[in-house]
Amino acid sequence: MPLPPEVQKTLNAIDRKIRALEDTKARLIEAFGDSFPVQTSPQSNGNSRLTPPPKPIDTGVTLPSESPIMLSSADRLLQFIRNHGPATRKEIAERSGVPDGSISYLLRNNPRYRQREDQKWEVIA
């Protein structure tokens, strides 16, 4: 017996959400290391339209291999500027892997950082 259209529509919406979550999970693992085995491609549930596995994200930050997921946004920001030198907020946001809101907060509320005349932020302490 075929499913009613509204039930099929709901199942399709659930499938899309599952694929989106699996894609997000895969991106996080690729960005921060794979300390445990995880299936990164969507499982088939009879739906012929599966999303391809996501492409790796280059954050521009080399994380310590022993505990990559434990690095805080503050630590990633500090490590990025120390590794790459002074950078604009835009460069930091694009390449550090630190969320934009965190960058704003960390730069504004930490005496460790100073904005130079060329609008680049540097570590001073």
Protein backbone atom coordinates (compact mmCIF):
# COMPACT_ATOMS: atom_id res chain seq x y z
CA MET A 1 0.00 0.00 0.00
CA PRO A 2 1.55 3.37 -1.02
CA LEU A 3 2.16 6.02 1.59
CA PRO A 4 -0.16 9.03 1.69
CA PRO A 5 1.42 12.07 -0.03
CA GLU A 6 1.71 14.07 3.21
CA VAL A 7 3.56 11.20 4.91
CA GLN A 8 5.92 10.86 1.92
CA LYS A 9 6.54 14.61 2.00
CA THR A 10 7.41 14.44 5.71
CA LEU A 11 9.76 11.49 5.14
CA ASN A 12 11.51 13.38 2.34
CA ALA A 13 11.99 16.39 4.63
CA ILE A 14 13.47 14.13 7.32
CA ASP A 15 15.85 12.59 4.75
CA ARG A 16 17.05 16.07 3.73
CA LYS A 17 17.70 17.01 7.36
CA ILE A 18 19.60 13.77 7.97
CA ARG A 19 21.80 14.42 4.93
CA ALA A 20 22.46 17.98 6.08
CA LEU A 21 23.48 16.76 9.55
CA GLU A 22 25.74 14.07 8.07
CA ASP A 23 27.38 16.69 5.82
CA THR A 24 27.94 18.99 8.81
CA LYS A 25 29.40 16.11 10.82
CA ALA A 26 31.77 15.23 7.99
CA ARG A 27 32.93 18.83 7.62
CA LEU A 28 33.66 19.10 11.34
CA ILE A 29 35.66 15.88 11.29
CA GLU A 30 37.60 16.99 8.23
CA ALA A 31 38.30 20.41 9.73
CA PHE A 32 39.34 19.26 13.20
CA GLY A 33 40.71 15.76 12.67
CA ASP A 34 39.35 12.28 12.74
CA SER A 35 40.17 10.90 16.17
CA PHE A 36 37.54 8.22 15.74
CA PRO A 37 36.20 6.37 12.66
CA VAL A 38 33.01 7.86 11.30
CA GLN A 39 30.93 7.12 8.23
CA THR A 40 30.91 10.39 6.31
CA SER A 41 28.69 9.53 3.36
CA PRO A 42 24.91 9.38 3.65
CA GLN A 43 23.25 6.01 3.96
CA SER A 44 20.70 5.02 1.37
CA ASN A 45 17.12 4.73 2.48
CA GLY A 46 15.74 4.05 -0.95
CA ASN A 47 16.04 7.66 -2.03
CA SER A 48 18.07 7.78 -5.24
CA ARG A 49 19.19 11.40 -4.72
CA LEU A 50 22.03 11.22 -2.21
CA THR A 51 24.29 14.14 -1.59
CA PRO A 52 27.96 13.57 -2.39
CA PRO A 53 30.42 13.63 0.50
CA PRO A 54 31.51 17.20 1.33
CA LYS A 55 34.86 18.59 0.22
CA PRO A 56 37.49 19.18 2.91
CA ILE A 57 37.64 22.66 4.44
CA ASP A 58 41.05 24.30 4.68
CA THR A 59 41.01 26.34 7.88
CA GLY A 60 44.64 27.43 7.59
CA VAL A 61 45.26 26.22 11.15
CA THR A 62 47.37 23.21 12.04
CA LEU A 63 45.86 21.64 15.11
CA PRO A 64 47.80 19.49 17.58
CA SER A 65 47.35 15.84 16.60
CA GLU A 66 46.90 14.65 20.15
CA SER A 67 43.69 16.60 20.89
CA PRO A 68 42.46 18.60 17.89
CA ILE A 69 38.87 19.02 19.04
CA MET A 70 39.90 20.47 22.44
CA LEU A 71 41.38 23.70 21.04
CA SER A 72 39.18 26.66 22.02
CA SER A 73 38.36 29.56 19.71
CA ALA A 74 40.69 31.76 21.77
CA ASP A 75 43.54 29.27 21.34
CA ARG A 76 42.88 28.87 17.61
CA LEU A 77 42.89 32.66 17.15
CA LEU A 78 46.14 33.05 19.06
CA GLN A 79 47.75 30.15 17.17
CA PHE A 80 46.59 31.51 13.81
CA ILE A 81 48.03 35.00 14.36
CA ARG A 82 51.27 33.60 15.76
CA ASN A 83 51.64 31.20 12.80
CA HIS A 84 50.57 33.60 10.03
CA GLY A 85 51.51 37.01 11.43
CA PRO A 86 49.26 40.07 11.66
CA ALA A 87 45.99 39.76 9.76
CA THR A 88 42.79 41.69 9.15
CA ARG A 89 39.55 40.52 10.72
CA LYS A 90 38.45 39.36 7.27
CA GLU A 91 41.60 37.28 6.79
CA ILE A 92 41.22 35.80 10.26
CA ALA A 93 37.57 34.92 9.64
CA GLU A 94 38.31 33.33 6.26
CA ARG A 95 41.35 31.29 7.26
CA SER A 96 41.42 30.61 10.99
CA GLY A 97 38.33 28.46 11.49
CA VAL A 98 37.23 30.70 14.37
CA PRO A 99 33.57 31.84 14.22
CA ASP A 100 33.18 35.51 13.26
CA GLY A 101 31.35 36.45 16.47
CA SER A 102 34.11 34.88 18.54
CA ILE A 103 36.76 36.79 16.59
CA SER A 104 35.02 40.07 17.31
CA TYR A 105 34.67 39.31 21.01
CA LEU A 106 38.20 37.99 21.44
CA LEU A 107 39.91 40.86 19.65
CA ARG A 108 37.87 43.53 21.45
CA ASN A 109 38.07 42.11 24.97
CA ASN A 110 41.63 40.85 25.21
CA PRO A 111 44.60 43.14 25.88
CA ARG A 112 46.79 40.50 24.21
CA TYR A 113 45.74 41.81 20.77
CA ARG A 114 46.31 45.20 19.18
CA GLN A 115 45.01 46.60 15.89
CA ARG A 116 47.70 48.29 13.85
CA GLU A 117 47.23 51.35 11.62
CA ASP A 118 46.94 49.07 8.57
CA GLN A 119 43.88 47.45 10.27
CA LYS A 120 45.74 44.19 10.90
CA TRP A 121 45.57 42.56 14.30
CA GLU A 122 48.70 41.34 16.06
CA VAL A 123 49.64 39.61 19.28
CA ILE A 124 51.42 41.92 21.71
CA ALA A 125 51.69 39.74 24.82
